Amino acid sequence: MAESLDDYIDAVSKALALPVEDGWRPAVRANLEVSLRLARLVDEFALPDETEPAPIFTV
């Protein structure tokens, strides 16, 4: 997975014209791994078809 994340980081960095220094790559990869792990938890949470979005509350 690390190799594919490195490829993704390279592609996004190029697309955004945002260089990522070699020293920051491990931190960027670690952050991306955590973000993807949390996103997977949200994605795997099953909701019934009847689920409605919550109303908007303002203070």
PDB file of N, CA and C in Angstrom:
ATOM      1  N   MET A   1       0.827  -1.194   0.000  1.00  0.00           N
ATOM      2  CA  MET A   1       0.000   0.000   0.000  1.00  0.00           C
ATOM      3  C   MET A   1       0.872   1.259   0.000  1.00  0.00           C
ATOM      4  N   ALA A   2       2.019   1.204   0.659  1.00  0.00           N
ATOM      5  CA  ALA A   2       2.884   2.381   0.737  1.00  0.00           C
ATOM      6  C   ALA A   2       3.304   2.848  -0.649  1.00  0.00           C
ATOM      7  N   GLU A   3       3.565   1.891  -1.533  1.00  0.00           N
ATOM      8  CA  GLU A   3       3.986   2.249  -2.885  1.00  0.00           C
ATOM      9  C   GLU A   3       2.871   2.968  -3.643  1.00  0.00           C
ATOM     10  N   SER A   4       1.647   2.465  -3.510  1.00  0.00           N
ATOM     11  CA  SER A   4       0.539   3.118  -4.207  1.00  0.00           C
ATOM     12  C   SER A   4       0.249   4.490  -3.589  1.00  0.00           C
ATOM     13  N   LEU A   5       0.452   4.640  -2.278  1.00  0.00           N
ATOM     14  CA  LEU A   5       0.277   5.955  -1.664  1.00  0.00           C
ATOM     15  C   LEU A   5       1.344   6.927  -2.161  1.00  0.00           C
ATOM     16  N   ASP A   6       2.554   6.435  -2.323  1.00  0.00           N
ATOM     17  CA  ASP A   6       3.614   7.291  -2.863  1.00  0.00           C
ATOM     18  C   ASP A   6       3.267   7.739  -4.276  1.00  0.00           C
ATOM     19  N   ASP A   7       2.725   6.833  -5.083  1.00  0.00           N
ATOM     20  CA  ASP A   7       2.301   7.188  -6.436  1.00  0.00           C
ATOM     21  C   ASP A   7       1.186   8.241  -6.394  1.00  0.00           C
ATOM     22  N   TYR A   8       0.254   8.059  -5.461  1.00  0.00           N
ATOM     23  CA  TYR A   8      -0.853   9.005  -5.300  1.00  0.00           C
ATOM     24  C   TYR A   8      -0.324  10.370  -4.870  1.00  0.00           C
ATOM     25  N   ILE A   9       0.590  10.385  -3.914  1.00  0.00           N
ATOM     26  CA  ILE A   9       1.179  11.640  -3.448  1.00  0.00           C
ATOM     27  C   ILE A   9       1.883  12.344  -4.600  1.00  0.00           C
ATOM     28  N   ASP A  10       2.622  11.590  -5.396  1.00  0.00           N
ATOM     29  CA  ASP A  10       3.307  12.167  -6.559  1.00  0.00           C
ATOM     30  C   ASP A  10       2.304  12.782  -7.536  1.00  0.00           C
ATOM     31  N   ALA A  11       1.233  12.042  -7.836  1.00  0.00           N
ATOM     32  CA  ALA A  11       0.244  12.510  -8.806  1.00  0.00           C
ATOM     33  C   ALA A  11      -0.483  13.758  -8.312  1.00  0.00           C
ATOM     34  N   VAL A  12      -0.902  13.749  -7.057  1.00  0.00           N
ATOM     35  CA  VAL A  12      -1.634  14.896  -6.511  1.00  0.00           C
ATOM     36  C   VAL A  12      -0.708  16.101  -6.387  1.00  0.00           C
ATOM     37  N   SER A  13       0.504  15.857  -5.959  1.00  0.00           N
ATOM     38  CA  SER A  13       1.486  16.934  -5.851  1.00  0.00           C
ATOM     39  C   SER A  13       1.706  17.603  -7.203  1.00  0.00           C
ATOM     40  N   LYS A  14       1.808  16.792  -8.226  1.00  0.00           N
ATOM     41  CA  LYS A  14       2.005  17.322  -9.585  1.00  0.00           C
ATOM     42  C   LYS A  14       0.756  18.059 -10.061  1.00  0.00           C
ATOM     43  N   ALA A  15      -0.420  17.475  -9.829  1.00  0.00           N
ATOM     44  CA  ALA A  15      -1.665  18.087 -10.283  1.00  0.00           C
ATOM     45  C   ALA A  15      -1.907  19.437  -9.611  1.00  0.00           C
ATOM     46  N   LEU A  16      -1.519  19.553  -8.363  1.00  0.00           N
ATOM     47  CA  LEU A  16      -1.729  20.792  -7.622  1.00  0.00           C
ATOM     48  C   LEU A  16      -0.533  21.745  -7.709  1.00  0.00           C
ATOM     49  N   ALA A  17       0.509  21.296  -8.385  1.00  0.00           N
ATOM     50  CA  ALA A  17       1.754  22.083  -8.466  1.00  0.00           C
ATOM     51  C   ALA A  17       2.234  22.439  -7.063  1.00  0.00           C
ATOM     52  N   LEU A  18       2.168  21.446  -6.184  1.00  0.00           N
ATOM     53  CA  LEU A  18       2.548  21.623  -4.786  1.00  0.00           C
ATOM     54  C   LEU A  18       3.672  20.645  -4.474  1.00  0.00           C
ATOM     55  N   PRO A  19       4.906  21.113  -4.529  1.00  0.00           N
ATOM     56  CA  PRO A  19       6.013  20.184  -4.289  1.00  0.00           C
ATOM     57  C   PRO A  19       6.021  19.661  -2.855  1.00  0.00           C
ATOM     58  N   VAL A  20       6.333  18.381  -2.714  1.00  0.00           N
ATOM     59  CA  VAL A  20       6.465  17.752  -1.391  1.00  0.00           C
ATOM     60  C   VAL A  20       7.922  17.360  -1.233  1.00  0.00           C
ATOM     61  N   GLU A  21       8.578  17.985  -0.273  1.00  0.00           N
ATOM     62  CA  GLU A  21       9.986  17.684  -0.037  1.00  0.00           C
ATOM     63  C   GLU A  21      10.132  16.258   0.481  1.00  0.00           C
ATOM     64  N   ASP A  22      11.256  15.625   0.151  1.00  0.00           N
ATOM     65  CA  ASP A  22      11.499  14.235   0.561  1.00  0.00           C
ATOM     66  C   ASP A  22      11.404  14.061   2.073  1.00  0.00           C
ATOM     67  N   GLY A  23      11.831  15.048   2.824  1.00  0.00           N
ATOM     68  CA  GLY A  23      11.771  14.959   4.280  1.00  0.00           C
ATOM     69  C   GLY A  23      10.363  14.927   4.836  1.00  0.00           C
ATOM     70  N   TRP A  24       9.405  15.454   4.082  1.00  0.00           N
ATOM     71  CA  TRP A  24       8.006  15.487   4.526  1.00  0.00           C
ATOM     72  C   TRP A  24       7.200  14.284   4.054  1.00  0.00           C
ATOM     73  N   ARG A  25       7.732  13.513   3.113  1.00  0.00           N
ATOM     74  CA  ARG A  25       6.982  12.377   2.550  1.00  0.00           C
ATOM     75  C   ARG A  25       6.470  11.390   3.608  1.00  0.00           C
ATOM     76  N   PRO A  26       7.289  10.976   4.579  1.00  0.00           N
ATOM     77  CA  PRO A  26       6.769  10.039   5.585  1.00  0.00           C
ATOM     78  C   PRO A  26       5.579  10.613   6.367  1.00  0.00           C
ATOM     79  N   ALA A  27       5.631  11.892   6.696  1.00  0.00           N
ATOM     80  CA  ALA A  27       4.524  12.505   7.432  1.00  0.00           C
ATOM     81  C   ALA A  27       3.278  12.620   6.559  1.00  0.00           C
ATOM     82  N   VAL A  28       3.458  12.972   5.290  1.00  0.00           N
ATOM     83  CA  VAL A  28       2.320  13.070   4.368  1.00  0.00           C
ATOM     84  C   VAL A  28       1.689  11.693   4.187  1.00  0.00           C
ATOM     85  N   ARG A  29       2.526  10.667   4.009  1.00  0.00           N
ATOM     86  CA  ARG A  29       2.016   9.305   3.839  1.00  0.00           C
ATOM     87  C   ARG A  29       1.275   8.843   5.099  1.00  0.00           C
ATOM     88  N   ALA A  30       1.838   9.118   6.285  1.00  0.00           N
ATOM     89  CA  ALA A  30       1.197   8.708   7.544  1.00  0.00           C
ATOM     90  C   ALA A  30      -0.158   9.392   7.701  1.00  0.00           C
ATOM     91  N   ASN A  31      -0.231  10.679   7.384  1.00  0.00           N
ATOM     92  CA  ASN A  31      -1.493  11.397   7.475  1.00  0.00           C
ATOM     93  C   ASN A  31      -2.518  10.834   6.507  1.00  0.00           C
ATOM     94  N   LEU A  32      -2.080  10.520   5.307  1.00  0.00           N
ATOM     95  CA  LEU A  32      -2.979   9.943   4.308  1.00  0.00           C
ATOM     96  C   LEU A  32      -3.467   8.562   4.740  1.00  0.00           C
ATOM     97  N   GLU A  33      -2.601   7.758   5.332  1.00  0.00           N
ATOM     98  CA  GLU A  33      -3.005   6.432   5.819  1.00  0.00           C
ATOM     99  C   GLU A  33      -4.083   6.550   6.892  1.00  0.00           C
ATOM    100  N   VAL A  34      -3.910   7.481   7.828  1.00  0.00           N
ATOM    101  CA  VAL A  34      -4.908   7.682   8.888  1.00  0.00           C
ATOM    102  C   VAL A  34      -6.214   8.175   8.288  1.00  0.00           C
ATOM    103  N   SER A  35      -6.136   9.135   7.372  1.00  0.00           N
ATOM    104  CA  SER A  35      -7.351   9.665   6.740  1.00  0.00           C
ATOM    105  C   SER A  35      -8.117   8.581   5.994  1.00  0.00           C
ATOM    106  N   LEU A  36      -7.392   7.735   5.269  1.00  0.00           N
ATOM    107  CA  LEU A  36      -8.046   6.650   4.528  1.00  0.00           C
ATOM    108  C   LEU A  36      -8.652   5.605   5.469  1.00  0.00           C
ATOM    109  N   ARG A  37      -7.963   5.324   6.572  1.00  0.00           N
ATOM    110  CA  ARG A  37      -8.493   4.360   7.543  1.00  0.00           C
ATOM    111  C   ARG A  37      -9.796   4.887   8.152  1.00  0.00           C
ATOM    112  N   LEU A  38      -9.837   6.165   8.504  1.00  0.00           N
ATOM    113  CA  LEU A  38     -11.049   6.755   9.071  1.00  0.00           C
ATOM    114  C   LEU A  38     -12.170   6.826   8.027  1.00  0.00           C
ATOM    115  N   ALA A  39     -11.826   7.155   6.804  1.00  0.00           N
ATOM    116  CA  ALA A  39     -12.830   7.201   5.735  1.00  0.00           C
ATOM    117  C   ALA A  39     -13.438   5.823   5.501  1.00  0.00           C
ATOM    118  N   ARG A  40     -12.604   4.778   5.606  1.00  0.00           N
ATOM    119  CA  ARG A  40     -13.100   3.412   5.427  1.00  0.00           C
ATOM    120  C   ARG A  40     -14.139   3.071   6.505  1.00  0.00           C
ATOM    121  N   LEU A  41     -13.892   3.513   7.752  1.00  0.00           N
ATOM    122  CA  LEU A  41     -14.855   3.269   8.830  1.00  0.00           C
ATOM    123  C   LEU A  41     -16.200   3.936   8.530  1.00  0.00           C
ATOM    124  N   VAL A  42     -16.163   5.150   8.051  1.00  0.00           N
ATOM    125  CA  VAL A  42     -17.398   5.862   7.721  1.00  0.00           C
ATOM    126  C   VAL A  42     -18.099   5.178   6.556  1.00  0.00           C
ATOM    127  N   ASP A  43     -17.339   4.801   5.548  1.00  0.00           N
ATOM    128  CA  ASP A  43     -17.911   4.167   4.361  1.00  0.00           C
ATOM    129  C   ASP A  43     -18.541   2.816   4.677  1.00  0.00           C
ATOM    130  N   GLU A  44     -17.966   2.085   5.627  1.00  0.00           N
ATOM    131  CA  GLU A  44     -18.466   0.747   5.953  1.00  0.00           C
ATOM    132  C   GLU A  44     -19.669   0.777   6.888  1.00  0.00           C
ATOM    133  N   PHE A  45     -19.992   1.930   7.455  1.00  0.00           N
ATOM    134  CA  PHE A  45     -21.121   2.024   8.375  1.00  0.00           C
ATOM    135  C   PHE A  45     -22.419   1.981   7.586  1.00  0.00           C
ATOM    136  N   ALA A  46     -23.182   0.922   7.789  1.00  0.00           N
ATOM    137  CA  ALA A  46     -24.420   0.730   7.028  1.00  0.00           C
ATOM    138  C   ALA A  46     -25.537   1.620   7.580  1.00  0.00           C
ATOM    139  N   LEU A  47     -26.216   2.282   6.683  1.00  0.00           N
ATOM    140  CA  LEU A  47     -27.374   3.088   7.045  1.00  0.00           C
ATOM    141  C   LEU A  47     -28.602   2.527   6.340  1.00  0.00           C
ATOM    142  N   PRO A  48     -29.731   2.504   7.041  1.00  0.00           N
ATOM    143  CA  PRO A  48     -30.954   2.041   6.383  1.00  0.00           C
ATOM    144  C   PRO A  48     -31.351   3.012   5.267  1.00  0.00           C
ATOM    145  N   ASP A  49     -32.092   2.507   4.299  1.00  0.00           N
ATOM    146  CA  ASP A  49     -32.529   3.328   3.170  1.00  0.00           C
ATOM    147  C   ASP A  49     -33.419   4.491   3.603  1.00  0.00           C
ATOM    148  N   GLU A  50     -34.090   4.339   4.749  1.00  0.00           N
ATOM    149  CA  GLU A  50     -35.011   5.371   5.223  1.00  0.00           C
ATOM    150  C   GLU A  50     -34.296   6.525   5.916  1.00  0.00           C
ATOM    151  N   THR A  51     -33.002   6.444   6.083  1.00  0.00           N
ATOM    152  CA  THR A  51     -32.263   7.467   6.820  1.00  0.00           C
ATOM    153  C   THR A  51     -32.374   8.808   6.126  1.00  0.00           C
ATOM    154  N   GLU A  52     -32.730   9.822   6.908  1.00  0.00           N
ATOM    155  CA  GLU A  52     -32.858  11.184   6.400  1.00  0.00           C
ATOM    156  C   GLU A  52     -31.687  12.031   6.919  1.00  0.00           C
ATOM    157  N   PRO A  53     -31.276  13.017   6.153  1.00  0.00           N
ATOM    158  CA  PRO A  53     -30.229  13.909   6.650  1.00  0.00           C
ATOM    159  C   PRO A  53     -30.725  14.686   7.864  1.00  0.00           C
ATOM    160  N   ALA A  54     -29.841  15.010   8.746  1.00  0.00           N
ATOM    161  CA  ALA A  54     -30.213  15.775   9.926  1.00  0.00           C
ATOM    162  C   ALA A  54     -30.571  17.195   9.531  1.00  0.00           C
ATOM    163  N   PRO A  55     -31.518  17.809  10.265  1.00  0.00           N
ATOM    164  CA  PRO A  55     -31.832  19.211   9.979  1.00  0.00           C
ATOM    165  C   PRO A  55     -30.629  20.079  10.359  1.00  0.00           C
ATOM    166  N   ILE A  56     -30.631  21.269   9.858  1.00  0.00           N
ATOM    167  CA  ILE A  56     -29.547  22.209  10.162  1.00  0.00           C
ATOM    168  C   ILE A  56     -29.918  22.994  11.417  1.00  0.00           C
ATOM    169  N   PHE A  57     -29.025  22.962  12.394  1.00  0.00           N
ATOM    170  CA  PHE A  57     -29.221  23.707  13.624  1.00  0.00           C
ATOM    171  C   PHE A  57     -28.255  24.887  13.645  1.00  0.00           C
ATOM    172  N   THR A  58     -28.732  26.019  14.002  1.00  0.00           N
ATOM    173  CA  THR A  58     -27.869  27.186  14.133  1.00  0.00           C
ATOM    174  C   THR A  58     -28.008  27.725  15.540  1.00  0.00           C
ATOM    175  N   VAL A  59     -26.965  28.404  15.971  1.00  0.00           N
ATOM    176  CA  VAL A  59     -26.969  28.975  17.326  1.00  0.00           C
ATOM    177  C   VAL A  59     -27.057  30.456  17.238  1.00  0.00           C
TER     178      VAL A  59
END
